[in-house]
C-alpha atoms as a PDB file:
ATOM      1  CA  UNK A   1      70.694 100.952  43.930  1.00  0.00           C
ATOM      2  CA  UNK A   2      66.972 101.553  43.574  1.00  0.00           C
ATOM      3  CA  UNK A   3      65.358 102.095  46.955  1.00  0.00           C
ATOM      4  CA  UNK A   4      62.123 100.417  47.982  1.00  0.00           C
ATOM      5  CA  UNK A   5      59.263 102.715  48.938  1.00  0.00           C
ATOM      6  CA  UNK A   6      57.603 101.265  52.008  1.00  0.00           C
ATOM      7  CA  UNK A   7      54.487 102.079  54.015  1.00  0.00           C
ATOM      8  CA  UNK A   8      53.303 100.890  57.422  1.00  0.00           C
ATOM      9  CA  UNK A   9      49.806  99.748  58.412  1.00  0.00           C
ATOM     10  CA  UNK A  10      49.388 100.542  62.096  1.00  0.00           C
ATOM     11  CA  UNK A  11      51.558 102.305  64.663  1.00  0.00           C
ATOM     12  CA  UNK A  12      52.214  99.409  67.041  1.00  0.00           C
ATOM     13  CA  UNK A  13      54.979  99.535  69.650  1.00  0.00           C
ATOM     14  CA  UNK A  14      57.307  97.301  67.628  1.00  0.00           C
ATOM     15  CA  UNK A  15      56.891  99.619  64.644  1.00  0.00           C
ATOM     16  CA  UNK A  16      57.594 102.690  66.756  1.00  0.00           C
ATOM     17  CA  UNK A  17      60.534 101.302  68.737  1.00  0.00           C
ATOM     18  CA  UNK A  18      62.249  98.990  66.245  1.00  0.00           C
ATOM     19  CA  UNK A  19      61.063  98.878  62.640  1.00  0.00           C
ATOM     20  CA  UNK A  20      60.612 102.577  61.866  1.00  0.00           C
ATOM     21  CA  UNK A  21      64.074 103.495  63.258  1.00  0.00           C
ATOM     22  CA  UNK A  22      65.574 100.626  61.227  1.00  0.00           C
ATOM     23  CA  UNK A  23      63.843 101.803  58.046  1.00  0.00           C
ATOM     24  CA  UNK A  24      64.988 105.384  58.604  1.00  0.00           C
ATOM     25  CA  UNK A  25      68.568 104.172  59.151  1.00  0.00           C
ATOM     26  CA  UNK A  26      68.531 101.989  56.055  1.00  0.00           C
ATOM     27  CA  UNK A  27      69.998 103.007  52.718  1.00  0.00           C
ATOM     28  CA  UNK A  28      67.601 100.634  50.939  1.00  0.00           C
ATOM     29  CA  UNK A  29      64.215 102.105  51.883  1.00  0.00           C
ATOM     30  CA  UNK A  30      62.177 105.279  51.672  1.00  0.00           C
ATOM     31  CA  UNK A  31      59.476 105.491  54.337  1.00  0.00           C
ATOM     32  CA  UNK A  32      56.580 106.960  52.383  1.00  0.00           C
ATOM     33  CA  UNK A  33      53.724 106.812  54.848  1.00  0.00           C
ATOM     34  CA  UNK A  34      52.087 105.391  57.954  1.00  0.00           C
ATOM     35  CA  UNK A  35      48.413 104.536  58.304  1.00  0.00           C
ATOM     36  CA  UNK A  36      46.551 104.420  61.612  1.00  0.00           C
ATOM     37  CA  UNK A  37      42.867 104.365  62.494  1.00  0.00           C
ATOM     38  CA  UNK A  38      43.560 106.112  65.819  1.00  0.00           C
ATOM     39  CA  UNK A  39      42.929 109.862  65.358  1.00  0.00           C
ATOM     40  CA  UNK A  40      45.148 110.694  68.338  1.00  0.00           C
ATOM     41  CA  UNK A  41      48.021 108.804  66.719  1.00  0.00           C
ATOM     42  CA  UNK A  42      47.383 110.580  63.399  1.00  0.00           C
ATOM     43  CA  UNK A  43      48.028 113.953  65.032  1.00  0.00           C
ATOM     44  CA  UNK A  44      51.084 112.638  66.899  1.00  0.00           C
ATOM     45  CA  UNK A  45      52.568 111.112  63.737  1.00  0.00           C
ATOM     46  CA  UNK A  46      52.086 114.335  61.786  1.00  0.00           C
ATOM     47  CA  UNK A  47      54.087 116.137  64.452  1.00  0.00           C
ATOM     48  CA  UNK A  48      56.815 113.456  64.543  1.00  0.00           C
ATOM     49  CA  UNK A  49      57.460 112.367  60.958  1.00  0.00           C
ATOM     50  CA  UNK A  50      57.814 114.337  57.744  1.00  0.00           C
ATOM     51  CA  UNK A  51      55.894 111.766  55.723  1.00  0.00           C
ATOM     52  CA  UNK A  52      52.329 111.142  54.591  1.00  0.00           C
ATOM     53  CA  UNK A  53      50.009 110.069  57.410  1.00  0.00           C
ATOM     54  CA  UNK A  54      46.881 108.142  56.417  1.00  0.00           C
ATOM     55  CA  UNK A  55      43.759 107.702  58.539  1.00  0.00           C
ATOM     56  CA  UNK A  56      42.637 104.722  56.421  1.00  0.00           C
ATOM     57  CA  UNK A  57      44.632 101.582  55.655  1.00  0.00           C
ATOM     58  CA  UNK A  58      43.009 101.292  52.227  1.00  0.00           C
ATOM     59  CA  UNK A  59      44.369 104.688  51.206  1.00  0.00           C
ATOM     60  CA  UNK A  60      47.942 103.668  51.973  1.00  0.00           C
ATOM     61  CA  UNK A  61      47.876 100.348  50.121  1.00  0.00           C
ATOM     62  CA  UNK A  62      46.229 102.035  47.134  1.00  0.00           C
ATOM     63  CA  UNK A  63      49.156 104.450  46.853  1.00  0.00           C
ATOM     64  CA  UNK A  64      50.922 103.626  43.583  1.00  0.00           C
ATOM     65  CA  UNK A  65      54.356 104.861  44.650  1.00  0.00           C
ATOM     66  CA  UNK A  66      54.469 102.400  47.582  1.00  0.00           C
ATOM     67  CA  UNK A  67      56.213  99.121  46.693  1.00  0.00           C
ATOM     68  CA  UNK A  68      55.963  97.289  50.017  1.00  0.00           C
ATOM     69  CA  UNK A  69      54.126  97.390  53.323  1.00  0.00           C
ATOM     70  CA  UNK A  70      54.970  96.386  56.864  1.00  0.00           C
ATOM     71  CA  UNK A  71      51.985  95.148  58.894  1.00  0.00           C
ATOM     72  CA  UNK A  72      52.198  95.089  62.740  1.00  0.00           C
ATOM     73  CA  UNK A  73      48.419  94.906  63.278  1.00  0.00           C
ATOM     74  CA  UNK A  74      46.733  92.431  65.682  1.00  0.00           C
ATOM     75  CA  UNK A  75      46.833  88.830  64.448  1.00  0.00           C
ATOM     76  CA  UNK A  76      43.122  88.750  63.580  1.00  0.00           C
ATOM     77  CA  UNK A  77      43.638  91.599  61.098  1.00  0.00           C
ATOM     78  CA  UNK A  78      46.603  90.086  59.285  1.00  0.00           C
ATOM     79  CA  UNK A  79      44.657  87.969  56.802  1.00  0.00           C
ATOM     80  CA  UNK A  80      42.476  90.849  55.576  1.00  0.00           C
ATOM     81  CA  UNK A  81      45.244  93.397  55.192  1.00  0.00           C
ATOM     82  CA  UNK A  82      47.933  91.061  53.889  1.00  0.00           C
ATOM     83  CA  UNK A  83      45.468  89.901  51.225  1.00  0.00           C
ATOM     84  CA  UNK A  84      44.478  93.449  50.293  1.00  0.00           C
ATOM     85  CA  UNK A  85      48.123  94.508  50.154  1.00  0.00           C
ATOM     86  CA  UNK A  86      49.092  91.592  47.918  1.00  0.00           C
ATOM     87  CA  UNK A  87      46.125  92.252  45.646  1.00  0.00           C
ATOM     88  CA  UNK A  88      47.375  95.837  45.378  1.00  0.00           C
ATOM     89  CA  UNK A  89      50.734  94.424  44.241  1.00  0.00           C
ATOM     90  CA  UNK A  90      52.626  95.259  47.416  1.00  0.00           C
ATOM     91  CA  UNK A  91      55.377  93.110  48.881  1.00  0.00           C
ATOM     92  CA  UNK A  92      54.498  92.316  52.510  1.00  0.00           C
ATOM     93  CA  UNK A  93      56.443  92.005  55.737  1.00  0.00           C
ATOM     94  CA  UNK A  94      54.010  91.021  58.483  1.00  0.00           C
ATOM     95  CA  UNK A  95      54.443  90.441  62.182  1.00  0.00           C
ATOM     96  CA  UNK A  96      54.050  86.899  63.435  1.00  0.00           C
ATOM     97  CA  UNK A  97      51.818  85.091  63.383  1.00  0.00           C
ATOM     98  CA  UNK A  98      51.083  85.549  59.693  1.00  0.00           C
ATOM     99  CA  UNK A  99      47.412  84.566  60.083  1.00  0.00           C
ATOM    100  CA  UNK A 100      45.116  82.778  62.514  1.00  0.00           C
ATOM    101  CA  UNK A 101      44.579  79.577  60.508  1.00  0.00           C
ATOM    102  CA  UNK A 102      46.422  77.265  58.140  1.00  0.00           C
ATOM    103  CA  UNK A 103      43.866  77.849  55.379  1.00  0.00           C
ATOM    104  CA  UNK A 104      44.401  81.604  55.573  1.00  0.00           C
ATOM    105  CA  UNK A 105      48.170  81.186  55.328  1.00  0.00           C
ATOM    106  CA  UNK A 106      47.844  78.822  52.363  1.00  0.00           C
ATOM    107  CA  UNK A 107      45.630  81.302  50.523  1.00  0.00           C
ATOM    108  CA  UNK A 108      47.924  84.255  51.189  1.00  0.00           C
ATOM    109  CA  UNK A 109      51.014  82.344  50.104  1.00  0.00           C
ATOM    110  CA  UNK A 110      49.290  81.255  46.885  1.00  0.00           C
ATOM    111  CA  UNK A 111      48.399  84.870  46.054  1.00  0.00           C
ATOM    112  CA  UNK A 112      51.987  85.963  46.716  1.00  0.00           C
ATOM    113  CA  UNK A 113      53.307  83.102  44.575  1.00  0.00           C
ATOM    114  CA  UNK A 114      51.011  83.879  41.656  1.00  0.00           C
ATOM    115  CA  UNK A 115      51.891  87.565  41.757  1.00  0.00           C
ATOM    116  CA  UNK A 116      55.610  86.926  42.407  1.00  0.00           C
ATOM    117  CA  UNK A 117      55.487  89.062  45.528  1.00  0.00           C
ATOM    118  CA  UNK A 118      57.434  88.719  48.766  1.00  0.00           C
ATOM    119  CA  UNK A 119      55.508  87.601  51.830  1.00  0.00           C
ATOM    120  CA  UNK A 120      57.637  87.300  54.960  1.00  0.00           C
ATOM    121  CA  UNK A 121      56.592  86.541  58.524  1.00  0.00           C
ATOM    122  CA  UNK A 122      58.811  88.655  60.739  1.00  0.00           C
ATOM    123  CA  UNK A 123      61.083  86.569  62.953  1.00  0.00           C
ATOM    124  CA  UNK A 124      64.016  88.954  63.163  1.00  0.00           C
ATOM    125  CA  UNK A 125      66.048  86.632  65.437  1.00  0.00           C
ATOM    126  CA  UNK A 126      66.870  84.611  62.286  1.00  0.00           C
ATOM    127  CA  UNK A 127      69.202  87.405  61.251  1.00  0.00           C
ATOM    128  CA  UNK A 128      71.260  87.876  64.407  1.00  0.00           C
ATOM    129  CA  UNK A 129      74.889  86.767  64.489  1.00  0.00           C
ATOM    130  CA  UNK A 130      74.314  84.650  67.580  1.00  0.00           C
ATOM    131  CA  UNK A 131      72.167  82.229  65.577  1.00  0.00           C
ATOM    132  CA  UNK A 132      74.792  82.056  62.839  1.00  0.00           C
ATOM    133  CA  UNK A 133      77.435  81.323  65.494  1.00  0.00           C
ATOM    134  CA  UNK A 134      75.322  78.509  66.943  1.00  0.00           C
ATOM    135  CA  UNK A 135      74.828  76.948  63.506  1.00  0.00           C
ATOM    136  CA  UNK A 136      78.578  77.131  62.884  1.00  0.00           C
ATOM    137  CA  UNK A 137      79.304  75.348  66.185  1.00  0.00           C
ATOM    138  CA  UNK A 138      76.826  72.604  65.287  1.00  0.00           C
ATOM    139  CA  UNK A 139      78.278  72.166  61.803  1.00  0.00           C
ATOM    140  CA  UNK A 140      81.916  72.098  62.910  1.00  0.00           C
ATOM    141  CA  UNK A 141      81.244  69.227  65.306  1.00  0.00           C
ATOM    142  CA  UNK A 142      81.889  71.155  68.524  1.00  0.00           C
ATOM    143  CA  UNK A 143      79.153  69.238  70.356  1.00  0.00           C
ATOM    144  CA  UNK A 144      78.898  66.133  68.172  1.00  0.00           C
ATOM    145  CA  UNK A 145      75.618  64.749  66.887  1.00  0.00           C
ATOM    146  CA  UNK A 146      72.547  66.484  68.317  1.00  0.00           C
ATOM    147  CA  UNK A 147      70.569  64.394  70.802  1.00  0.00           C
ATOM    148  CA  UNK A 148      68.019  66.865  72.190  1.00  0.00           C
ATOM    149  CA  UNK A 149      66.948  70.505  71.812  1.00  0.00           C
ATOM    150  CA  UNK A 150      65.037  72.567  74.358  1.00  0.00           C
ATOM    151  CA  UNK A 151      63.734  76.107  74.157  1.00  0.00           C
ATOM    152  CA  UNK A 152      61.506  78.375  76.249  1.00  0.00           C
ATOM    153  CA  UNK A 153      60.025  81.768  75.512  1.00  0.00           C
ATOM    154  CA  UNK A 154      57.997  83.116  78.416  1.00  0.00           C
ATOM    155  CA  UNK A 155      57.399  86.517  79.942  1.00  0.00           C
ATOM    156  CA  UNK A 156      55.656  88.111  82.974  1.00  0.00           C
ATOM    157  CA  UNK A 157      52.041  89.384  82.987  1.00  0.00           C
ATOM    158  CA  UNK A 158      51.276  92.444  80.897  1.00  0.00           C
ATOM    159  CA  UNK A 159      50.440  95.484  83.022  1.00  0.00           C
ATOM    160  CA  UNK A 160      47.554  96.326  80.712  1.00  0.00           C
ATOM    161  CA  UNK A 161      44.903  93.651  81.234  1.00  0.00           C
ATOM    162  CA  UNK A 162      43.288  94.834  77.994  1.00  0.00           C
ATOM    163  CA  UNK A 163      46.409  93.948  76.039  1.00  0.00           C
ATOM    164  CA  UNK A 164      45.479  92.505  72.629  1.00  0.00           C
ATOM    165  CA  UNK A 165      47.363  89.295  73.511  1.00  0.00           C
ATOM    166  CA  UNK A 166      44.583  88.459  76.007  1.00  0.00           C
ATOM    167  CA  UNK A 167      41.836  89.099  73.439  1.00  0.00           C
ATOM    168  CA  UNK A 168      40.507  86.115  71.474  1.00  0.00           C
ATOM    169  CA  UNK A 169      38.748  88.292  68.877  1.00  0.00           C
ATOM    170  CA  UNK A 170      42.047  89.982  68.041  1.00  0.00           C
ATOM    171  CA  UNK A 171      43.895  86.690  67.574  1.00  0.00           C
ATOM    172  CA  UNK A 172      45.476  86.697  71.003  1.00  0.00           C
ATOM    173  CA  UNK A 173      46.943  83.783  72.891  1.00  0.00           C
ATOM    174  CA  UNK A 174      50.403  82.618  73.850  1.00  0.00           C
ATOM    175  CA  UNK A 175      50.860  80.134  70.999  1.00  0.00           C
ATOM    176  CA  UNK A 176      50.475  82.674  68.189  1.00  0.00           C
ATOM    177  CA  UNK A 177      52.607  85.178  70.089  1.00  0.00           C
ATOM    178  CA  UNK A 178      55.309  83.490  72.193  1.00  0.00           C
ATOM    179  CA  UNK A 179      55.003  79.867  71.074  1.00  0.00           C
ATOM    180  CA  UNK A 180      55.580  80.827  67.451  1.00  0.00           C
ATOM    181  CA  UNK A 181      59.244  81.554  68.232  1.00  0.00           C
ATOM    182  CA  UNK A 182      60.404  78.108  69.374  1.00  0.00           C
ATOM    183  CA  UNK A 183      58.337  76.574  66.555  1.00  0.00           C
ATOM    184  CA  UNK A 184      60.328  78.677  64.103  1.00  0.00           C
ATOM    185  CA  UNK A 185      63.559  77.668  65.794  1.00  0.00           C
ATOM    186  CA  UNK A 186      62.626  73.996  65.427  1.00  0.00           C
ATOM    187  CA  UNK A 187      62.404  74.282  61.643  1.00  0.00           C
ATOM    188  CA  UNK A 188      65.716  76.150  61.482  1.00  0.00           C
ATOM    189  CA  UNK A 189      67.571  73.497  63.493  1.00  0.00           C
ATOM    190  CA  UNK A 190      65.727  70.352  62.385  1.00  0.00           C
ATOM    191  CA  UNK A 191      64.687  71.070  58.801  1.00  0.00           C
ATOM    192  CA  UNK A 192      61.306  70.887  57.079  1.00  0.00           C
ATOM    193  CA  UNK A 193      60.331  67.270  57.808  1.00  0.00           C
ATOM    194  CA  UNK A 194      59.180  67.749  61.384  1.00  0.00           C
ATOM    195  CA  UNK A 195      55.917  67.278  63.241  1.00  0.00           C
ATOM    196  CA  UNK A 196      54.240  68.009  66.568  1.00  0.00           C
ATOM    197  CA  UNK A 197      53.880  64.812  68.616  1.00  0.00           C
ATOM    198  CA  UNK A 198      52.683  66.352  71.882  1.00  0.00           C
ATOM    199  CA  UNK A 199      51.091  69.656  72.816  1.00  0.00           C
ATOM    200  CA  UNK A 200      49.422  71.154  75.867  1.00  0.00           C
ATOM    201  CA  UNK A 201      47.506  74.393  76.404  1.00  0.00           C
ATOM    202  CA  UNK A 202      46.556  76.085  79.653  1.00  0.00           C
ATOM    203  CA  UNK A 203      43.819  78.743  79.612  1.00  0.00           C
ATOM    204  CA  UNK A 204      43.794  79.604  83.359  1.00  0.00           C
ATOM    205  CA  UNK A 205      40.218  80.951  83.160  1.00  0.00           C
ATOM    206  CA  UNK A 206      41.104  83.245  80.264  1.00  0.00           C
ATOM    207  CA  UNK A 207      39.531  83.296  76.802  1.00  0.00           C
ATOM    208  CA  UNK A 208      42.924  82.556  75.218  1.00  0.00           C
ATOM    209  CA  UNK A 209      45.763  80.164  75.951  1.00  0.00           C
ATOM    210  CA  UNK A 210      48.136  81.617  78.544  1.00  0.00           C
ATOM    211  CA  UNK A 211      50.918  79.042  78.466  1.00  0.00           C
ATOM    212  CA  UNK A 212      51.777  75.702  76.952  1.00  0.00           C
ATOM    213  CA  UNK A 213      54.315  72.985  76.203  1.00  0.00           C
ATOM    214  CA  UNK A 214      55.075  70.862  73.194  1.00  0.00           C
ATOM    215  CA  UNK A 215      57.337  68.280  71.601  1.00  0.00           C
ATOM    216  CA  UNK A 216      58.520  68.075  68.000  1.00  0.00           C
ATOM    217  CA  UNK A 217      60.327  65.235  66.271  1.00  0.00           C
ATOM    218  CA  UNK A 218      61.934  64.852  62.862  1.00  0.00           C
ATOM    219  CA  UNK A 219      60.869  62.287  60.255  1.00  0.00           C
ATOM    220  CA  UNK A 220      63.035  59.548  61.807  1.00  0.00           C
ATOM    221  CA  UNK A 221      61.796  60.249  65.354  1.00  0.00           C
ATOM    222  CA  UNK A 222      65.390  60.203  66.557  1.00  0.00           C
ATOM    223  CA  UNK A 223      65.671  63.888  67.454  1.00  0.00           C
ATOM    224  CA  UNK A 224      63.411  65.634  69.955  1.00  0.00           C
ATOM    225  CA  UNK A 225      62.723  69.356  70.343  1.00  0.00           C
ATOM    226  CA  UNK A 226      60.959  70.219  73.607  1.00  0.00           C
ATOM    227  CA  UNK A 227      59.564  73.700  74.106  1.00  0.00           C
ATOM    228  CA  UNK A 228      57.614  75.867  76.549  1.00  0.00           C
ATOM    229  CA  UNK A 229      55.979  79.233  76.056  1.00  0.00           C
ATOM    230  CA  UNK A 230      53.613  81.564  77.805  1.00  0.00           C
ATOM    231  CA  UNK A 231      52.398  84.824  79.270  1.00  0.00           C
ATOM    232  CA  UNK A 232      52.195  85.424  83.026  1.00  0.00           C
ATOM    233  CA  UNK A 233      55.395  83.402  83.504  1.00  0.00           C
ATOM    234  CA  UNK A 234      58.933  83.816  84.750  1.00  0.00           C
ATOM    235  CA  UNK A 235      60.924  85.399  81.912  1.00  0.00           C
ATOM    236  CA  UNK A 236      62.727  82.882  79.712  1.00  0.00           C
ATOM    237  CA  UNK A 237      64.261  83.333  76.273  1.00  0.00           C
ATOM    238  CA  UNK A 238      66.580  80.378  75.934  1.00  0.00           C
ATOM    239  CA  UNK A 239      67.882  77.638  73.696  1.00  0.00           C
ATOM    240  CA  UNK A 240      69.807  74.524  74.760  1.00  0.00           C
ATOM    241  CA  UNK A 241      71.238  72.092  72.227  1.00  0.00           C
ATOM    242  CA  UNK A 242      72.554  68.860  73.702  1.00  0.00           C
ATOM    243  CA  UNK A 243      74.991  66.855  71.605  1.00  0.00           C
ATOM    244  CA  UNK A 244      76.717  63.541  72.201  1.00  0.00           C
ATOM    245  CA  UNK A 245      79.966  65.399  72.924  1.00  0.00           C
ATOM    246  CA  UNK A 246      78.867  68.750  74.306  1.00  0.00           C
ATOM    247  CA  UNK A 247      76.190  71.404  74.759  1.00  0.00           C
ATOM    248  CA  UNK A 248      75.335  74.878  73.443  1.00  0.00           C
ATOM    249  CA  UNK A 249      73.334  77.330  75.547  1.00  0.00           C
ATOM    250  CA  UNK A 250      71.905  80.758  74.702  1.00  0.00           C
ATOM    251  CA  UNK A 251      69.820  82.852  77.102  1.00  0.00           C
ATOM    252  CA  UNK A 252      68.629  85.723  74.900  1.00  0.00           C
ATOM    253  CA  UNK A 253      68.093  83.869  71.662  1.00  0.00           C
ATOM    254  CA  UNK A 254      64.895  85.543  70.430  1.00  0.00           C
ATOM    255  CA  UNK A 255      65.117  89.107  71.714  1.00  0.00           C
ATOM    256  CA  UNK A 256      68.701  90.386  71.732  1.00  0.00           C
ATOM    257  CA  UNK A 257      68.104  94.111  71.121  1.00  0.00           C
ATOM    258  CA  UNK A 258      70.396  96.453  69.174  1.00  0.00           C
ATOM    259  CA  UNK A 259      73.400  97.324  71.340  1.00  0.00           C
ATOM    260  CA  UNK A 260      73.233  94.122  73.387  1.00  0.00           C
ATOM    261  CA  UNK A 261      76.033  91.544  73.303  1.00  0.00           C
ATOM    262  CA  UNK A 262      74.511  88.074  73.832  1.00  0.00           C
ATOM    263  CA  UNK A 263      76.554  85.241  75.310  1.00  0.00           C
ATOM    264  CA  UNK A 264      76.736  81.779  73.801  1.00  0.00           C
ATOM    265  CA  UNK A 265      78.076  79.006  76.051  1.00  0.00           C
ATOM    266  CA  UNK A 266      79.737  76.005  74.401  1.00  0.00           C
ATOM    267  CA  UNK A 267      80.662  73.083  76.663  1.00  0.00           C
ATOM    268  CA  UNK A 268      82.560  69.950  75.613  1.00  0.00           C
ATOM    269  CA  UNK A 269      85.556  67.848  76.649  1.00  0.00           C
ATOM    270  CA  UNK A 270      87.824  70.842  76.001  1.00  0.00           C
ATOM    271  CA  UNK A 271      86.043  72.814  78.680  1.00  0.00           C
ATOM    272  CA  UNK A 272      83.529  75.620  78.861  1.00  0.00           C
ATOM    273  CA  UNK A 273      83.790  78.571  76.491  1.00  0.00           C
ATOM    274  CA  UNK A 274      81.659  81.704  76.777  1.00  0.00           C
ATOM    275  CA  UNK A 275      81.562  83.577  73.484  1.00  0.00           C
ATOM    276  CA  UNK A 276      80.454  87.210  73.602  1.00  0.00           C
ATOM    277  CA  UNK A 277      78.670  87.866  70.314  1.00  0.00           C
ATOM    278  CA  UNK A 278      79.034  91.254  68.656  1.00  0.00           C
ATOM    279  CA  UNK A 279      75.926  93.387  69.059  1.00  0.00           C
ATOM    280  CA  UNK A 280      73.948  94.235  65.954  1.00  0.00           C
ATOM    281  CA  UNK A 281      70.530  95.349  64.779  1.00  0.00           C
ATOM    282  CA  UNK A 282      68.668  92.235  63.676  1.00  0.00           C
ATOM    283  CA  UNK A 283      65.692  94.391  62.664  1.00  0.00           C
ATOM    284  CA  UNK A 284      67.871  96.129  60.094  1.00  0.00           C
ATOM    285  CA  UNK A 285      69.307  92.768  58.994  1.00  0.00           C
ATOM    286  CA  UNK A 286      65.774  91.484  58.519  1.00  0.00           C
ATOM    287  CA  UNK A 287      64.887  94.495  56.366  1.00  0.00           C
ATOM    288  CA  UNK A 288      67.995  93.861  54.271  1.00  0.00           C
ATOM    289  CA  UNK A 289      66.786  90.288  53.721  1.00  0.00           C
ATOM    290  CA  UNK A 290      63.321  91.526  52.767  1.00  0.00           C
ATOM    291  CA  UNK A 291      64.951  93.861  50.234  1.00  0.00           C
ATOM    292  CA  UNK A 292      67.026  91.011  48.764  1.00  0.00           C
ATOM    293  CA  UNK A 293      63.974  88.767  48.426  1.00  0.00           C
ATOM    294  CA  UNK A 294      62.201  91.304  46.221  1.00  0.00           C
ATOM    295  CA  UNK A 295      64.623  90.652  43.341  1.00  0.00           C
ATOM    296  CA  UNK A 296      65.254  86.956  44.057  1.00  0.00           C
ATOM    297  CA  UNK A 297      62.558  84.423  43.143  1.00  0.00           C
ATOM    298  CA  UNK A 298      64.343  81.563  44.901  1.00  0.00           C
ATOM    299  CA  UNK A 299      64.322  83.473  48.196  1.00  0.00           C
ATOM    300  CA  UNK A 300      60.686  84.458  47.663  1.00  0.00           C
ATOM    301  CA  UNK A 301      59.630  80.833  47.290  1.00  0.00           C
ATOM    302  CA  UNK A 302      61.744  79.713  50.232  1.00  0.00           C
ATOM    303  CA  UNK A 303      59.993  82.218  52.477  1.00  0.00           C
ATOM    304  CA  UNK A 304      56.574  81.073  51.264  1.00  0.00           C
ATOM    305  CA  UNK A 305      57.455  77.458  52.069  1.00  0.00           C
ATOM    306  CA  UNK A 306      58.640  78.486  55.522  1.00  0.00           C
ATOM    307  CA  UNK A 307      55.388  80.392  56.102  1.00  0.00           C
ATOM    308  CA  UNK A 308      53.397  77.263  55.284  1.00  0.00           C
ATOM    309  CA  UNK A 309      55.500  74.978  57.487  1.00  0.00           C
ATOM    310  CA  UNK A 310      55.104  77.362  60.417  1.00  0.00           C
ATOM    311  CA  UNK A 311      51.320  77.434  59.955  1.00  0.00           C
ATOM    312  CA  UNK A 312      51.224  73.637  59.683  1.00  0.00           C
ATOM    313  CA  UNK A 313      53.053  73.282  63.003  1.00  0.00           C
ATOM    314  CA  UNK A 314      50.660  75.690  64.709  1.00  0.00           C
ATOM    315  CA  UNK A 315      47.731  73.781  63.229  1.00  0.00           C
ATOM    316  CA  UNK A 316      49.175  70.459  64.429  1.00  0.00           C
ATOM    317  CA  UNK A 317      49.658  71.931  67.911  1.00  0.00           C
ATOM    318  CA  UNK A 318      46.021  73.028  68.060  1.00  0.00           C
ATOM    319  CA  UNK A 319      44.724  69.659  66.831  1.00  0.00           C
ATOM    320  CA  UNK A 320      46.911  67.713  69.259  1.00  0.00           C
ATOM    321  CA  UNK A 321      45.901  69.916  72.192  1.00  0.00           C
ATOM    322  CA  UNK A 322      42.213  69.513  71.435  1.00  0.00           C
ATOM    323  CA  UNK A 323      42.517  65.788  70.848  1.00  0.00           C
END
């Protein structure tokens, strides 16, 4: 097996705590270098990792031996550095949200398509066994035909009031951060022919949206997905799928960390069953998927289509909220 040489643009917390350990534990990647514009982080990284440390992002993406990059920069920087990485023939894994506008996402996906490069928006929850278990329960008829889906992803205030999520110039706001998760879940459970029919923002005297609610329907308008998201809220990370014969509930659907065993509750006429799902590292599973996409054109194109659908839903939410 030929390993993929990967570099990282930015030393964000998710890179430090989750992605870098997953890369180092993977048999499919070589971590070649990390780039950061923070001189204090440069010195720290040189002391921590036996790899090349770059003080300029351009230097890392110009490195010929690097095949792929992971980008955990603020949302407002995604478009510039995803585009530069693609134009330097690098496969890209980027933190959500992929970009700050639909037009930016369309352009980036077209570049990736033309160059036959992978461009994946990182929603690692897609690769956890609990989601696969839920899909199996839906498909085997355990709850009958789906009637309604509800999901919330909310968390308490950030201690740092200068957190980038509160900064409009850096692409902050709850929709691009927390709201993106239930939007992604909607497409997984309802398919591609879905649309936003209601959306609501709340700014609470901030320069970005702090919380919101929305409703999605499918093309026949016979299935409804209701969702809530936000900062400065009571913590919620749930999914409820109501069927004509039962219900499925998950309470850590988006953020089950490595080592944690999430519970899935299935209720129907046979009773209530609580299934303890085996813990696993969905960050590593996501990296395995990224690796597989590099040699599979069908998977590449599927990811590009999913990127576009996600951006369309966010765009619809913004239009509906402003209308």
